[in-house]
Structure formats: structure tokens, C-alpha cells
């Protein structure tokens, strides 16, 4: 047994947090729990696995074969905001009993258009059952889906970032705003989903 299986109660807490954060950030996406099988227990055909990950806007789960499906995510996003967001659960210094400490799929997927974040397992994790510090997961989801904090820990998501006295900053801001509007319209047209990979 390799570990990386979340405690069943904490898995429910994690799913509830993901759904709550999607709602908080106004992301109308379907959460798909991927374990290689359909809801009726039959094996999910490879074409369906491909389609699930190709249409995912975010992929969240433990390091393992489920996350290897990241190779099927959109390889040519139209903008940085369309890159797939990944939150990978990996062992850290205080949870090395789960698996040798490493950087997860960051090393393997380096160079792909993926926005990668990691959450390390809590120190009470074992080879059989893993746990997360939910506040770490919450911080990762905030980083992935929109909340940006300034040095004082205050939300700066809506702060303006123009430079005073720079005559091109207004032009650049207008171009960026037009790109954001276009990206937003394109994103609304696409069907999005958040895949949650299980090991």
C-alpha cells in the first residue's frame, strides 16, 4: 500500500471546502470525483477519462496515477487565465512517512501550461491514511481561484496596479481590461469542471 488515501471524513470536508470555494468565487463548475470508474462501478473508458481531464479547469488531488491524467489537459490555452489549475497533495518534511519527500508532478510537468500548487500532508498522516491541514488547502484554493493578499494579509484582489506618471500604463490597463472581458466571455461559453482525482 502506497498511502495517499485521505481519511474518509476528511475527504468529505475537502469536497465541501472545494464546493464552497467555487461558490465563493462565482465559479459555476461541476465537481467530478475521478477514481477511474463510473458511478455504477464500471471501468471508465479511456476516451471518457480523456474528455474529463481535457475539459477540467482545475484538478485537485493526491500525487499518483490519477494526476498523471494532467497530460490530457488543454495544451494550448488561449491565455494564462485558461491554464489548468492544479492543487497536488504531496508529502512534506513532517509527513515523509507517507512517501519520500519530493516536489510531486511539478518536476514531471515542468514546461506545460499548468498553474501548479502543492498542499503537504499533515504530520498525523500514515502509510494507510492521509490528512491535510484544511487551512493550507483553503489558502491554496484562494490562490488558485482569486483571493490575493497583500503584505498586511488584506484582500487586494480588486486593487489597481497602474503606475502613476507612466503614460503607457493607462493604455496597457485598457488593453488588459479588454483582454479580461474577452477571456471572461470565452470562459462563460466553455463548459468547465473541476476534477478531483482520487488515488
N, C-alpha and C. Protein backbone atom coordinates (compact mmCIF):
# COMPACT_ATOMS: atom_id res chain seq x y z
N UNK A 1 0.85 -1.19 0.00
CA UNK A 1 0.00 0.00 0.00
C UNK A 1 0.89 1.24 0.00
N UNK A 2 0.57 2.18 -0.87
CA UNK A 2 1.39 3.38 -1.02
C UNK A 2 0.91 4.55 -0.18
N UNK A 3 -0.23 4.49 0.42
CA UNK A 3 -0.75 5.64 1.16
C UNK A 3 -1.44 6.61 0.23
N UNK A 4 -1.45 7.86 0.61
CA UNK A 4 -2.06 8.93 -0.17
C UNK A 4 -3.56 8.78 -0.30
N UNK A 5 -4.20 8.05 0.62
CA UNK A 5 -5.65 7.92 0.64
C UNK A 5 -6.16 8.77 1.80
N UNK A 6 -6.98 9.76 1.50
CA UNK A 6 -7.48 10.65 2.54
C UNK A 6 -8.41 9.92 3.50
N UNK A 7 -8.37 10.32 4.75
CA UNK A 7 -9.34 9.85 5.73
C UNK A 7 -10.73 10.12 5.14
N UNK A 8 -11.65 9.13 5.20
CA UNK A 8 -12.97 9.31 4.57
C UNK A 8 -13.74 10.54 5.04
N UNK A 9 -13.71 10.84 6.32
CA UNK A 9 -14.41 12.03 6.81
C UNK A 9 -13.74 13.29 6.29
N UNK A 10 -12.41 13.29 6.28
CA UNK A 10 -11.73 14.49 5.78
C UNK A 10 -11.96 14.66 4.28
N UNK A 11 -12.09 13.57 3.56
CA UNK A 11 -12.39 13.68 2.13
C UNK A 11 -13.71 14.42 1.92
N UNK A 12 -14.70 14.12 2.75
CA UNK A 12 -15.98 14.85 2.67
C UNK A 12 -15.78 16.33 2.99
N UNK A 13 -14.94 16.61 4.01
CA UNK A 13 -14.66 18.00 4.37
C UNK A 13 -13.94 18.73 3.23
N UNK A 14 -13.01 18.04 2.58
CA UNK A 14 -12.27 18.62 1.46
C UNK A 14 -13.21 18.93 0.31
N UNK A 15 -14.09 17.98 -0.03
CA UNK A 15 -15.05 18.21 -1.12
C UNK A 15 -15.99 19.38 -0.79
N UNK A 16 -16.43 19.45 0.47
CA UNK A 16 -17.31 20.56 0.88
C UNK A 16 -16.57 21.89 0.76
N UNK A 17 -15.27 21.91 1.12
CA UNK A 17 -14.49 23.14 1.02
C UNK A 17 -14.33 23.55 -0.44
N UNK A 18 -14.05 22.58 -1.31
CA UNK A 18 -13.89 22.88 -2.74
C UNK A 18 -15.18 23.46 -3.29
N UNK A 19 -16.30 22.84 -2.98
CA UNK A 19 -17.59 23.34 -3.48
C UNK A 19 -17.90 24.71 -2.91
N UNK A 20 -17.57 24.94 -1.64
CA UNK A 20 -17.80 26.25 -1.03
C UNK A 20 -16.94 27.33 -1.67
N UNK A 21 -15.68 27.01 -1.95
CA UNK A 21 -14.79 27.99 -2.58
C UNK A 21 -15.21 28.28 -4.02
N UNK A 22 -15.67 27.26 -4.74
CA UNK A 22 -16.19 27.51 -6.09
C UNK A 22 -17.34 28.50 -6.03
N UNK A 23 -18.24 28.29 -5.08
CA UNK A 23 -19.39 29.20 -4.93
C UNK A 23 -18.92 30.60 -4.52
N UNK A 24 -17.98 30.66 -3.56
CA UNK A 24 -17.46 31.95 -3.09
C UNK A 24 -16.90 32.79 -4.24
N UNK A 25 -16.22 32.13 -5.18
CA UNK A 25 -15.60 32.85 -6.28
C UNK A 25 -16.45 32.88 -7.54
N UNK A 26 -17.73 32.48 -7.41
CA UNK A 26 -18.66 32.57 -8.52
C UNK A 26 -18.30 31.67 -9.69
N UNK A 27 -17.71 30.54 -9.40
CA UNK A 27 -17.32 29.58 -10.45
C UNK A 27 -18.40 28.51 -10.56
N UNK A 28 -19.14 28.58 -11.63
CA UNK A 28 -20.24 27.64 -11.86
C UNK A 28 -19.69 26.41 -12.56
N UNK A 29 -19.07 25.53 -11.79
CA UNK A 29 -18.41 24.35 -12.35
C UNK A 29 -18.90 23.10 -11.65
N UNK A 30 -18.87 22.02 -12.38
CA UNK A 30 -19.23 20.71 -11.84
C UNK A 30 -18.00 20.09 -11.18
N UNK A 31 -18.16 19.54 -9.99
CA UNK A 31 -17.08 18.82 -9.33
C UNK A 31 -17.22 17.35 -9.70
N UNK A 32 -16.18 16.81 -10.32
CA UNK A 32 -16.16 15.41 -10.73
C UNK A 32 -15.11 14.69 -9.90
N UNK A 33 -15.52 13.68 -9.14
CA UNK A 33 -14.57 12.89 -8.37
C UNK A 33 -14.11 11.75 -9.28
N UNK A 34 -12.83 11.77 -9.63
CA UNK A 34 -12.28 10.79 -10.57
C UNK A 34 -11.51 9.72 -9.81
N UNK A 35 -11.89 8.47 -10.04
CA UNK A 35 -11.12 7.35 -9.47
C UNK A 35 -10.92 6.24 -10.50
N UNK A 36 -11.20 6.54 -11.76
CA UNK A 36 -11.03 5.56 -12.82
C UNK A 36 -12.28 4.75 -13.12
N UNK A 37 -13.34 4.98 -12.34
CA UNK A 37 -14.57 4.22 -12.52
C UNK A 37 -15.75 5.15 -12.69
N UNK A 38 -16.79 4.67 -13.36
CA UNK A 38 -18.05 5.40 -13.45
C UNK A 38 -18.81 5.24 -12.14
N UNK A 39 -19.88 6.02 -11.98
CA UNK A 39 -20.67 5.95 -10.75
C UNK A 39 -21.27 4.57 -10.51
N UNK A 40 -21.49 3.81 -11.60
CA UNK A 40 -22.08 2.47 -11.45
C UNK A 40 -21.03 1.39 -11.17
N UNK A 41 -19.76 1.80 -11.02
CA UNK A 41 -18.70 0.86 -10.69
C UNK A 41 -17.99 0.27 -11.88
N UNK A 42 -18.44 0.58 -13.08
CA UNK A 42 -17.76 0.06 -14.27
C UNK A 42 -16.53 0.91 -14.57
N UNK A 43 -15.56 0.28 -15.22
CA UNK A 43 -14.33 0.98 -15.58
C UNK A 43 -14.64 2.11 -16.55
N UNK A 44 -14.07 3.29 -16.30
CA UNK A 44 -14.28 4.43 -17.18
C UNK A 44 -13.42 4.27 -18.43
N UNK A 45 -14.02 4.25 -19.61
CA UNK A 45 -13.24 4.10 -20.84
C UNK A 45 -12.22 5.23 -20.97
N UNK A 46 -11.13 4.92 -21.64
CA UNK A 46 -10.04 5.88 -21.78
C UNK A 46 -10.51 7.16 -22.45
N UNK A 47 -11.45 7.07 -23.39
CA UNK A 47 -11.96 8.26 -24.07
C UNK A 47 -12.70 9.18 -23.09
N UNK A 48 -13.42 8.57 -22.16
CA UNK A 48 -14.14 9.36 -21.15
C UNK A 48 -13.16 9.98 -20.16
N UNK A 49 -12.10 9.25 -19.81
CA UNK A 49 -11.08 9.82 -18.94
C UNK A 49 -10.43 11.03 -19.62
N UNK A 50 -10.11 10.86 -20.89
CA UNK A 50 -9.52 11.94 -21.67
C UNK A 50 -10.44 13.16 -21.67
N UNK A 51 -11.72 12.95 -21.98
CA UNK A 51 -12.68 14.05 -22.05
C UNK A 51 -12.83 14.74 -20.70
N UNK A 52 -12.81 13.97 -19.62
CA UNK A 52 -12.94 14.55 -18.28
C UNK A 52 -11.80 15.51 -17.99
N UNK A 53 -10.58 15.08 -18.25
CA UNK A 53 -9.43 15.93 -17.94
C UNK A 53 -9.21 17.01 -18.98
N UNK A 54 -9.58 16.78 -20.21
CA UNK A 54 -9.42 17.81 -21.24
C UNK A 54 -10.32 19.00 -20.94
N UNK A 55 -11.50 18.76 -20.35
CA UNK A 55 -12.43 19.85 -20.08
C UNK A 55 -12.27 20.43 -18.67
N UNK A 56 -11.36 19.88 -17.87
CA UNK A 56 -11.19 20.36 -16.50
C UNK A 56 -10.48 21.71 -16.47
N UNK A 57 -10.97 22.61 -15.65
CA UNK A 57 -10.29 23.89 -15.46
C UNK A 57 -9.39 23.82 -14.23
N UNK A 58 -9.68 22.90 -13.31
CA UNK A 58 -8.88 22.70 -12.11
C UNK A 58 -8.83 21.20 -11.81
N UNK A 59 -7.69 20.76 -11.30
CA UNK A 59 -7.52 19.36 -10.91
C UNK A 59 -6.91 19.37 -9.51
N UNK A 60 -7.56 18.67 -8.59
CA UNK A 60 -7.16 18.70 -7.18
C UNK A 60 -7.08 17.27 -6.68
N UNK A 61 -5.97 16.91 -6.07
CA UNK A 61 -5.89 15.56 -5.52
C UNK A 61 -4.48 15.15 -5.14
N UNK A 62 -4.34 13.90 -4.66
CA UNK A 62 -3.04 13.41 -4.22
C UNK A 62 -2.14 13.05 -5.39
N UNK A 63 -0.84 13.16 -5.17
CA UNK A 63 0.12 12.69 -6.15
C UNK A 63 -0.17 11.22 -6.43
N UNK A 64 -0.17 10.85 -7.70
CA UNK A 64 -0.39 9.46 -8.06
C UNK A 64 -0.91 9.35 -9.49
N UNK A 65 -1.34 8.15 -9.84
CA UNK A 65 -1.74 7.89 -11.21
C UNK A 65 -2.93 8.73 -11.65
N UNK A 66 -3.82 9.09 -10.73
CA UNK A 66 -4.96 9.94 -11.10
C UNK A 66 -4.51 11.27 -11.66
N UNK A 67 -3.48 11.86 -11.05
CA UNK A 67 -2.98 13.15 -11.53
C UNK A 67 -2.13 13.02 -12.79
N UNK A 68 -1.71 11.81 -13.13
CA UNK A 68 -0.97 11.64 -14.38
C UNK A 68 -1.83 12.03 -15.57
N UNK A 69 -3.15 12.04 -15.39
CA UNK A 69 -4.07 12.47 -16.44
C UNK A 69 -3.94 13.95 -16.78
N UNK A 70 -3.12 14.68 -16.04
CA UNK A 70 -2.85 16.08 -16.37
C UNK A 70 -2.30 16.21 -17.79
N UNK A 71 -1.68 15.15 -18.29
CA UNK A 71 -1.15 15.18 -19.65
C UNK A 71 -2.25 15.43 -20.68
N UNK A 72 -3.50 15.15 -20.31
CA UNK A 72 -4.62 15.31 -21.23
C UNK A 72 -5.30 16.67 -21.11
N UNK A 73 -4.82 17.53 -20.23
CA UNK A 73 -5.44 18.84 -20.11
C UNK A 73 -5.09 19.69 -21.33
N UNK A 74 -5.76 20.82 -21.47
CA UNK A 74 -5.60 21.70 -22.64
C UNK A 74 -4.13 22.11 -22.79
N UNK A 75 -3.45 21.69 -23.89
CA UNK A 75 -2.04 22.02 -24.06
C UNK A 75 -1.80 23.42 -24.64
N UNK A 76 -2.83 24.03 -25.21
CA UNK A 76 -2.66 25.33 -25.86
C UNK A 76 -3.73 26.31 -25.39
N UNK A 77 -3.69 26.71 -24.11
CA UNK A 77 -4.69 27.67 -23.65
C UNK A 77 -4.51 29.01 -24.37
N UNK A 78 -5.62 29.71 -24.57
CA UNK A 78 -5.58 30.99 -25.28
C UNK A 78 -4.96 32.10 -24.44
N UNK A 79 -4.98 31.92 -23.10
CA UNK A 79 -4.41 32.93 -22.21
C UNK A 79 -3.96 32.26 -20.92
N UNK A 80 -3.24 33.00 -20.11
CA UNK A 80 -2.78 32.47 -18.83
C UNK A 80 -3.94 32.09 -17.93
N UNK A 81 -5.04 32.85 -17.99
CA UNK A 81 -6.18 32.56 -17.14
C UNK A 81 -6.85 31.24 -17.50
N UNK A 82 -6.60 30.72 -18.70
CA UNK A 82 -7.19 29.47 -19.13
C UNK A 82 -6.32 28.26 -18.81
N UNK A 83 -5.12 28.49 -18.26
CA UNK A 83 -4.27 27.35 -17.88
C UNK A 83 -4.98 26.54 -16.80
N UNK A 84 -4.85 25.22 -16.85
CA UNK A 84 -5.47 24.38 -15.82
C UNK A 84 -4.77 24.67 -14.48
N UNK A 85 -5.58 24.75 -13.43
CA UNK A 85 -5.07 25.00 -12.08
C UNK A 85 -4.96 23.64 -11.38
N UNK A 86 -3.82 23.37 -10.78
CA UNK A 86 -3.57 22.09 -10.12
C UNK A 86 -3.22 22.32 -8.66
N UNK A 87 -3.90 21.58 -7.78
CA UNK A 87 -3.53 21.55 -6.36
C UNK A 87 -3.21 20.09 -6.07
N UNK A 88 -1.93 19.82 -5.84
CA UNK A 88 -1.46 18.45 -5.63
C UNK A 88 -1.12 18.24 -4.16
N UNK A 89 -1.60 17.14 -3.60
CA UNK A 89 -1.28 16.78 -2.22
C UNK A 89 -0.01 15.93 -2.24
N UNK A 90 1.02 16.39 -1.51
CA UNK A 90 2.30 15.69 -1.50
C UNK A 90 2.84 15.59 -0.08
N UNK A 91 3.78 14.66 0.15
CA UNK A 91 4.39 14.57 1.47
C UNK A 91 5.35 15.74 1.70
N UNK A 92 5.45 16.13 2.94
CA UNK A 92 6.38 17.19 3.32
C UNK A 92 7.34 16.66 4.38
N UNK A 93 8.11 17.55 4.96
CA UNK A 93 9.09 17.14 5.98
C UNK A 93 8.43 16.43 7.16
N UNK A 94 7.27 16.93 7.57
CA UNK A 94 6.62 16.33 8.75
C UNK A 94 5.67 15.20 8.40
N UNK A 95 5.63 14.81 7.11
CA UNK A 95 4.76 13.70 6.71
C UNK A 95 5.46 12.76 5.75
N UNK A 96 6.79 12.66 5.85
CA UNK A 96 7.58 11.82 4.95
C UNK A 96 7.26 10.34 5.10
N UNK A 97 6.57 9.95 6.18
CA UNK A 97 6.20 8.55 6.36
C UNK A 97 5.24 8.09 5.26
N UNK A 98 4.50 9.02 4.66
CA UNK A 98 3.55 8.69 3.60
C UNK A 98 4.31 8.23 2.36
N UNK A 99 5.31 8.96 2.00
CA UNK A 99 6.14 8.68 0.83
C UNK A 99 7.34 9.59 0.94
N UNK A 100 8.44 9.22 0.31
CA UNK A 100 9.63 10.06 0.36
C UNK A 100 9.28 11.48 -0.07
N UNK A 101 9.80 12.46 0.62
CA UNK A 101 9.53 13.86 0.29
C UNK A 101 10.04 14.19 -1.11
N UNK A 102 9.23 14.84 -1.90
CA UNK A 102 9.58 15.23 -3.26
C UNK A 102 8.68 16.37 -3.69
N UNK A 103 8.86 16.85 -4.92
CA UNK A 103 8.08 18.01 -5.39
C UNK A 103 6.89 17.62 -6.24
N UNK A 104 6.49 16.37 -6.25
CA UNK A 104 5.30 15.96 -6.97
C UNK A 104 5.46 16.08 -8.47
N UNK A 105 4.35 16.33 -9.14
CA UNK A 105 4.35 16.39 -10.59
C UNK A 105 4.93 17.69 -11.14
N UNK A 106 5.32 18.61 -10.27
CA UNK A 106 5.93 19.86 -10.74
C UNK A 106 7.14 19.55 -11.61
N UNK A 107 7.99 18.63 -11.18
CA UNK A 107 9.18 18.28 -11.96
C UNK A 107 8.82 17.60 -13.27
N UNK A 108 7.82 16.72 -13.24
CA UNK A 108 7.44 15.95 -14.42
C UNK A 108 6.73 16.82 -15.46
N UNK A 109 5.86 17.71 -14.99
CA UNK A 109 5.03 18.52 -15.89
C UNK A 109 5.66 19.88 -16.20
N UNK A 110 6.89 20.08 -15.78
CA UNK A 110 7.55 21.37 -15.97
C UNK A 110 7.49 21.75 -17.45
N UNK A 111 7.09 22.97 -17.73
CA UNK A 111 7.02 23.45 -19.10
C UNK A 111 5.62 23.38 -19.71
N UNK A 112 4.73 22.58 -19.11
CA UNK A 112 3.36 22.55 -19.60
C UNK A 112 2.60 23.76 -19.08
N UNK A 113 1.56 24.19 -19.76
CA UNK A 113 0.80 25.37 -19.31
C UNK A 113 -0.13 25.01 -18.15
N UNK A 114 0.47 24.77 -16.99
CA UNK A 114 -0.26 24.37 -15.79
C UNK A 114 0.11 25.31 -14.66
N UNK A 115 -0.88 25.80 -13.93
CA UNK A 115 -0.63 26.59 -12.73
C UNK A 115 -0.65 25.62 -11.55
N UNK A 116 0.52 25.33 -11.00
CA UNK A 116 0.69 24.25 -10.02
C UNK A 116 0.82 24.81 -8.61
N UNK A 117 0.10 24.17 -7.68
CA UNK A 117 0.18 24.50 -6.26
C UNK A 117 0.26 23.18 -5.50
N UNK A 118 0.89 23.21 -4.33
CA UNK A 118 1.01 21.98 -3.53
C UNK A 118 0.49 22.22 -2.12
N UNK A 119 -0.10 21.17 -1.56
CA UNK A 119 -0.50 21.15 -0.16
C UNK A 119 0.14 19.90 0.42
N UNK A 120 0.93 20.06 1.47
CA UNK A 120 1.59 18.90 2.07
C UNK A 120 0.68 18.24 3.10
N UNK A 121 0.87 16.93 3.24
CA UNK A 121 0.08 16.18 4.20
C UNK A 121 0.42 16.63 5.62
N UNK A 122 -0.55 16.49 6.50
CA UNK A 122 -0.36 16.84 7.92
C UNK A 122 0.51 15.78 8.59
N UNK A 123 1.09 16.13 9.72
CA UNK A 123 2.02 15.24 10.42
C UNK A 123 1.35 13.98 10.97
N UNK A 124 0.03 13.97 11.14
CA UNK A 124 -0.64 12.77 11.65
C UNK A 124 -0.97 11.77 10.54
N UNK A 125 -0.49 12.00 9.33
CA UNK A 125 -0.70 11.08 8.22
C UNK A 125 0.14 9.82 8.42
N UNK A 126 -0.39 8.71 7.91
CA UNK A 126 0.33 7.43 7.96
C UNK A 126 0.38 6.85 6.56
N UNK A 127 1.01 5.68 6.42
CA UNK A 127 1.02 5.00 5.13
C UNK A 127 -0.39 4.62 4.68
N UNK A 128 -1.26 4.33 5.63
CA UNK A 128 -2.62 3.87 5.29
C UNK A 128 -3.60 5.02 5.09
N UNK A 129 -3.46 6.09 5.84
CA UNK A 129 -4.44 7.18 5.81
C UNK A 129 -3.71 8.52 5.86
N UNK A 130 -4.16 9.44 5.01
CA UNK A 130 -3.54 10.77 5.00
C UNK A 130 -4.54 11.83 5.45
N UNK A 131 -3.98 12.92 5.92
CA UNK A 131 -4.76 14.07 6.39
C UNK A 131 -4.13 15.33 5.82
N UNK A 132 -4.95 16.34 5.63
CA UNK A 132 -4.48 17.65 5.22
C UNK A 132 -4.78 18.66 6.32
N UNK A 133 -3.98 19.70 6.38
CA UNK A 133 -4.33 20.85 7.21
C UNK A 133 -5.31 21.66 6.35
N UNK A 134 -6.56 21.70 6.76
CA UNK A 134 -7.59 22.33 5.93
C UNK A 134 -7.31 23.80 5.67
N UNK A 135 -6.65 24.48 6.62
CA UNK A 135 -6.32 25.89 6.38
C UNK A 135 -5.30 26.02 5.24
N UNK A 136 -4.41 25.02 5.07
CA UNK A 136 -3.47 25.05 3.94
C UNK A 136 -4.21 24.85 2.62
N UNK A 137 -5.17 23.92 2.62
CA UNK A 137 -5.97 23.72 1.41
C UNK A 137 -6.76 24.97 1.09
N UNK A 138 -7.34 25.60 2.10
CA UNK A 138 -8.11 26.82 1.87
C UNK A 138 -7.23 27.91 1.25
N UNK A 139 -6.01 28.06 1.76
CA UNK A 139 -5.08 29.06 1.20
C UNK A 139 -4.75 28.75 -0.26
N UNK A 140 -4.55 27.45 -0.56
CA UNK A 140 -4.24 27.07 -1.93
C UNK A 140 -5.42 27.36 -2.86
N UNK A 141 -6.63 27.04 -2.42
CA UNK A 141 -7.80 27.30 -3.25
C UNK A 141 -8.01 28.80 -3.46
N UNK A 142 -7.75 29.60 -2.41
CA UNK A 142 -7.84 31.05 -2.56
C UNK A 142 -6.83 31.55 -3.59
N UNK A 143 -5.61 31.00 -3.55
CA UNK A 143 -4.59 31.40 -4.51
C UNK A 143 -4.97 30.98 -5.93
N UNK A 144 -5.55 29.82 -6.07
CA UNK A 144 -5.93 29.30 -7.38
C UNK A 144 -7.09 30.07 -7.99
N UNK A 145 -8.09 30.37 -7.17
CA UNK A 145 -9.33 30.92 -7.74
C UNK A 145 -9.57 32.39 -7.48
N UNK A 146 -8.62 33.11 -6.90
CA UNK A 146 -8.83 34.53 -6.92
C UNK A 146 -8.41 35.40 -5.78
N UNK A 147 -8.38 34.93 -4.57
CA UNK A 147 -8.04 35.81 -3.46
C UNK A 147 -6.55 36.06 -3.45
N UNK A 148 -6.17 37.32 -3.44
CA UNK A 148 -4.77 37.70 -3.37
C UNK A 148 -4.61 38.60 -2.15
N UNK A 149 -3.67 38.25 -1.28
CA UNK A 149 -3.46 39.03 -0.06
C UNK A 149 -2.24 39.92 -0.21
N UNK A 150 -2.32 41.13 0.38
CA UNK A 150 -1.16 42.00 0.41
C UNK A 150 -0.30 41.65 1.62
N UNK A 151 0.75 42.42 1.86
CA UNK A 151 1.67 42.11 2.96
C UNK A 151 1.00 42.14 4.33
N UNK A 152 -0.08 42.91 4.46
CA UNK A 152 -0.79 43.00 5.74
C UNK A 152 -1.84 41.90 5.88
N UNK A 153 -1.94 41.01 4.90
CA UNK A 153 -2.92 39.93 4.97
C UNK A 153 -4.32 40.35 4.56
N UNK A 154 -4.43 41.51 3.89
CA UNK A 154 -5.73 42.00 3.45
C UNK A 154 -5.95 41.63 1.99
N UNK A 155 -7.20 41.45 1.60
CA UNK A 155 -7.55 41.10 0.23
C UNK A 155 -7.19 42.25 -0.70
N UNK A 156 -6.36 41.98 -1.69
CA UNK A 156 -6.00 43.01 -2.67
C UNK A 156 -6.42 42.61 -4.07
N UNK A 157 -7.38 41.69 -4.17
CA UNK A 157 -7.83 41.19 -5.46
C UNK A 157 -8.29 42.33 -6.36
N UNK A 158 -8.96 43.31 -5.80
CA UNK A 158 -9.53 44.38 -6.60
C UNK A 158 -8.64 45.62 -6.69
N UNK A 159 -7.45 45.60 -6.05
CA UNK A 159 -6.59 46.78 -6.07
C UNK A 159 -6.12 47.08 -7.49
N UNK A 160 -5.98 48.36 -7.81
CA UNK A 160 -5.46 48.75 -9.11
C UNK A 160 -3.95 48.60 -9.08
N UNK A 161 -3.38 48.24 -10.22
CA UNK A 161 -1.95 48.01 -10.28
C UNK A 161 -1.27 48.92 -11.30
N UNK A 162 -1.83 50.12 -11.56
CA UNK A 162 -1.23 51.02 -12.54
C UNK A 162 -0.12 51.83 -11.88
N UNK A 163 0.80 52.29 -12.69
CA UNK A 163 1.93 53.06 -12.21
C UNK A 163 1.65 54.53 -12.51
N UNK A 164 1.73 55.39 -11.48
CA UNK A 164 1.49 56.82 -11.68
C UNK A 164 2.62 57.43 -12.51
N UNK A 165 2.24 58.36 -13.40
CA UNK A 165 3.23 59.07 -14.19
C UNK A 165 3.68 58.32 -15.43
N UNK A 166 3.24 57.11 -15.63
CA UNK A 166 3.62 56.34 -16.81
C UNK A 166 2.52 56.50 -17.85
N UNK A 167 2.83 57.18 -18.94
CA UNK A 167 1.79 57.47 -19.93
C UNK A 167 1.27 56.22 -20.62
N UNK A 168 2.06 55.15 -20.64
CA UNK A 168 1.60 53.94 -21.30
C UNK A 168 0.80 53.04 -20.36
N UNK A 169 0.81 53.33 -19.06
CA UNK A 169 0.12 52.44 -18.12
C UNK A 169 -1.38 52.45 -18.35
N UNK A 170 -1.97 53.62 -18.70
CA UNK A 170 -3.40 53.68 -18.97
C UNK A 170 -3.75 52.88 -20.21
N UNK A 171 -2.91 53.00 -21.24
CA UNK A 171 -3.14 52.24 -22.46
C UNK A 171 -3.03 50.74 -22.19
N UNK A 172 -2.01 50.35 -21.43
CA UNK A 172 -1.82 48.93 -21.10
C UNK A 172 -2.99 48.43 -20.26
N UNK A 173 -3.46 49.25 -19.32
CA UNK A 173 -4.59 48.85 -18.48
C UNK A 173 -5.85 48.66 -19.32
N UNK A 174 -6.06 49.54 -20.29
CA UNK A 174 -7.23 49.42 -21.16
C UNK A 174 -7.15 48.14 -22.00
N UNK A 175 -5.94 47.84 -22.51
CA UNK A 175 -5.77 46.61 -23.28
C UNK A 175 -5.99 45.38 -22.40
N UNK A 176 -5.43 45.41 -21.19
CA UNK A 176 -5.62 44.30 -20.26
C UNK A 176 -7.10 44.12 -19.93
N UNK A 177 -7.82 45.23 -19.71
CA UNK A 177 -9.24 45.15 -19.40
C UNK A 177 -10.02 44.54 -20.57
N UNK A 178 -9.68 44.93 -21.80
CA UNK A 178 -10.34 44.36 -22.97
C UNK A 178 -10.06 42.86 -23.06
N UNK A 179 -8.81 42.46 -22.78
CA UNK A 179 -8.46 41.03 -22.78
C UNK A 179 -9.24 40.28 -21.72
N UNK A 180 -9.38 40.88 -20.54
CA UNK A 180 -10.10 40.24 -19.44
C UNK A 180 -11.56 40.04 -19.82
N UNK A 181 -12.18 41.07 -20.42
CA UNK A 181 -13.58 40.96 -20.84
C UNK A 181 -13.73 39.86 -21.87
N UNK A 182 -12.83 39.83 -22.86
CA UNK A 182 -12.90 38.80 -23.89
C UNK A 182 -12.70 37.41 -23.28
N UNK A 183 -11.70 37.27 -22.38
CA UNK A 183 -11.45 35.99 -21.73
C UNK A 183 -12.66 35.55 -20.92
N UNK A 184 -13.28 36.51 -20.24
CA UNK A 184 -14.45 36.19 -19.43
C UNK A 184 -15.59 35.69 -20.29
N UNK A 185 -15.82 36.33 -21.42
CA UNK A 185 -16.88 35.90 -22.33
C UNK A 185 -16.58 34.51 -22.88
N UNK A 186 -15.31 34.27 -23.26
CA UNK A 186 -14.94 32.95 -23.78
C UNK A 186 -15.10 31.89 -22.71
N UNK A 187 -14.72 32.23 -21.47
CA UNK A 187 -14.81 31.27 -20.38
C UNK A 187 -16.26 30.90 -20.09
N UNK A 188 -17.18 31.87 -20.19
CA UNK A 188 -18.59 31.59 -19.97
C UNK A 188 -19.13 30.64 -21.02
N UNK A 189 -18.59 30.72 -22.25
CA UNK A 189 -19.06 29.88 -23.32
C UNK A 189 -18.59 28.43 -23.15
N UNK A 190 -17.43 28.24 -22.53
CA UNK A 190 -16.90 26.89 -22.35
C UNK A 190 -17.57 26.20 -21.19
N UNK A 191 -17.70 24.90 -21.29
CA UNK A 191 -18.16 24.14 -20.13
C UNK A 191 -16.93 23.84 -19.29
N UNK A 192 -16.99 24.19 -18.03
CA UNK A 192 -15.85 23.97 -17.14
C UNK A 192 -16.21 22.94 -16.10
N UNK A 193 -15.21 22.28 -15.61
CA UNK A 193 -15.41 21.38 -14.50
C UNK A 193 -14.15 21.35 -13.67
N UNK A 194 -14.31 20.99 -12.44
CA UNK A 194 -13.19 20.79 -11.55
C UNK A 194 -13.11 19.30 -11.29
N UNK A 195 -12.03 18.69 -11.70
CA UNK A 195 -11.85 17.25 -11.47
C UNK A 195 -11.12 17.07 -10.16
N UNK A 196 -11.61 16.19 -9.32
CA UNK A 196 -10.94 15.86 -8.08
C UNK A 196 -10.46 14.43 -8.23
N UNK A 197 -9.15 14.25 -8.31
CA UNK A 197 -8.59 12.93 -8.55
C UNK A 197 -8.44 12.17 -7.23
N UNK A 198 -8.83 10.92 -7.25
CA UNK A 198 -8.59 10.04 -6.11
C UNK A 198 -7.51 9.07 -6.51
N UNK A 199 -6.75 8.61 -5.54
CA UNK A 199 -5.73 7.62 -5.82
C UNK A 199 -6.34 6.24 -5.69
